[in-house]
C-alpha atoms as a PDB file:
ATOM      1  CA  MET A   1     175.519-204.738  34.946  1.00  0.00           C
ATOM      2  CA  ARG A   2     174.230-201.352  36.113  1.00  0.00           C
ATOM      3  CA  ILE A   3     170.587-202.196  35.309  1.00  0.00           C
ATOM      4  CA  GLY A   4     170.787-205.361  37.396  1.00  0.00           C
ATOM      5  CA  SER A   5     171.991-203.402  40.412  1.00  0.00           C
ATOM      6  CA  ILE A   6     169.223-200.841  40.069  1.00  0.00           C
ATOM      7  CA  LEU A   7     166.603-203.563  39.610  1.00  0.00           C
ATOM      8  CA  GLY A   8     167.902-205.406  42.664  1.00  0.00           C
ATOM      9  CA  LEU A   9     167.716-202.250  44.744  1.00  0.00           C
ATOM     10  CA  ILE A  10     164.141-201.623  43.604  1.00  0.00           C
ATOM     11  CA  VAL A  11     163.138-205.173  44.592  1.00  0.00           C
ATOM     12  CA  VAL A  12     164.720-204.821  48.038  1.00  0.00           C
ATOM     13  CA  VAL A  13     163.035-201.455  48.654  1.00  0.00           C
ATOM     14  CA  TRP A  14     159.703-202.915  47.447  1.00  0.00           C
ATOM     15  CA  LEU A  15     159.958-205.829  49.926  1.00  0.00           C
ATOM     16  CA  VAL A  16     161.032-203.565  52.797  1.00  0.00           C
ATOM     17  CA  ILE A  17     157.994-201.354  52.220  1.00  0.00           C
ATOM     18  CA  GLY A  18     155.804-204.463  52.260  1.00  0.00           C
ATOM     19  CA  ALA A  19     157.387-205.645  55.508  1.00  0.00           C
ATOM     20  CA  ILE A  20     156.744-202.237  57.073  1.00  0.00           C
ATOM     21  CA  ALA A  21     153.104-202.350  55.947  1.00  0.00           C
ATOM     22  CA  ALA A  22     152.662-205.819  57.450  1.00  0.00           C
ATOM     23  CA  GLY A  23     154.131-204.541  60.701  1.00  0.00           C
ATOM     24  CA  GLN A  24     151.761-201.580  60.728  1.00  0.00           C
ATOM     25  CA  ARG A  25     148.851-203.992  60.394  1.00  0.00           C
ATOM     26  CA  GLY A  26     150.066-205.858  63.486  1.00  0.00           C
ATOM     27  CA  TYR A  27     150.990-209.119  61.774  1.00  0.00           C
ATOM     28  CA  TYR A  28     154.237-209.430  63.747  1.00  0.00           C
ATOM     29  CA  ASN A  29     152.621-209.253  67.208  1.00  0.00           C
ATOM     30  CA  ALA A  30     152.507-213.045  67.526  1.00  0.00           C
ATOM     31  CA  PRO A  31     154.062-215.864  65.516  1.00  0.00           C
ATOM     32  CA  PRO A  32     151.728-217.254  62.853  1.00  0.00           C
ATOM     33  CA  ALA A  33     149.826-220.225  64.279  1.00  0.00           C
ATOM     34  CA  GLN A  34     148.181-221.281  61.024  1.00  0.00           C
ATOM     35  CA  CYS A  35     149.232-221.586  57.427  1.00  0.00           C
ATOM     36  CA  SER A  36     146.767-218.876  56.380  1.00  0.00           C
ATOM     37  CA  GLN A  37     148.345-216.387  58.799  1.00  0.00           C
ATOM     38  CA  PHE A  38     151.794-217.070  57.368  1.00  0.00           C
ATOM     39  CA  ALA A  39     150.431-216.746  53.820  1.00  0.00           C
ATOM     40  CA  THR A  40     148.783-213.413  54.651  1.00  0.00           C
ATOM     41  CA  ILE A  41     152.062-212.020  56.020  1.00  0.00           C
ATOM     42  CA  ALA A  42     153.978-213.225  52.961  1.00  0.00           C
ATOM     43  CA  LEU A  43     151.411-211.764  50.551  1.00  0.00           C
ATOM     44  CA  ASN A  44     151.541-208.397  52.298  1.00  0.00           C
ATOM     45  CA  ILE A  45     155.320-208.319  52.049  1.00  0.00           C
ATOM     46  CA  VAL A  46     155.262-209.232  48.350  1.00  0.00           C
ATOM     47  CA  ALA A  47     152.519-206.657  47.656  1.00  0.00           C
ATOM     48  CA  GLY A  48     154.901-203.951  48.873  1.00  0.00           C
ATOM     49  CA  PRO A  49     153.694-200.370  48.298  1.00  0.00           C
ATOM     50  CA  LEU A  50     150.379-201.620  46.890  1.00  0.00           C
ATOM     51  CA  ASN A  51     149.315-202.084  50.523  1.00  0.00           C
ATOM     52  CA  TYR A  52     149.044-198.292  50.758  1.00  0.00           C
ATOM     53  CA  THR A  53     146.634-198.111  47.825  1.00  0.00           C
ATOM     54  CA  GLY A  54     143.970-200.071  49.701  1.00  0.00           C
ATOM     55  CA  LEU A  55     145.089-203.558  48.746  1.00  0.00           C
ATOM     56  CA  ASP A  56     144.736-205.979  51.658  1.00  0.00           C
ATOM     57  CA  PRO A  57     145.801-209.424  50.451  1.00  0.00           C
ATOM     58  CA  GLN A  58     144.573-212.329  52.545  1.00  0.00           C
ATOM     59  CA  GLY A  59     146.108-215.761  52.163  1.00  0.00           C
ATOM     60  CA  GLY A  60     144.575-219.140  52.602  1.00  0.00           C
ATOM     61  CA  CYS A  61     145.983-222.633  52.688  1.00  0.00           C
ATOM     62  CA  GLU A  62     144.595-226.043  51.986  1.00  0.00           C
ATOM     63  CA  VAL A  63     146.683-228.614  53.788  1.00  0.00           C
ATOM     64  CA  PRO A  64     146.078-232.187  52.598  1.00  0.00           C
ATOM     65  CA  GLN A  65     144.535-234.374  55.271  1.00  0.00           C
ATOM     66  CA  PRO A  66     145.776-237.922  55.784  1.00  0.00           C
ATOM     67  CA  SER A  67     143.424-240.601  54.554  1.00  0.00           C
END
């Protein structure tokens, strides 16, 4: 039970650090207009502290086109 609480806290702190890094890069200045912008924000949040090691994840999306 104790390990689960510690692991949960680590995950929350990891995601908060990623959200702060995305904010420092200016990703929250405007709402994402494209899927790739949303994916980039999400990847930066999930990357967490790795953003401060030089990692700059960029997302891309392929949306199926109607035939």
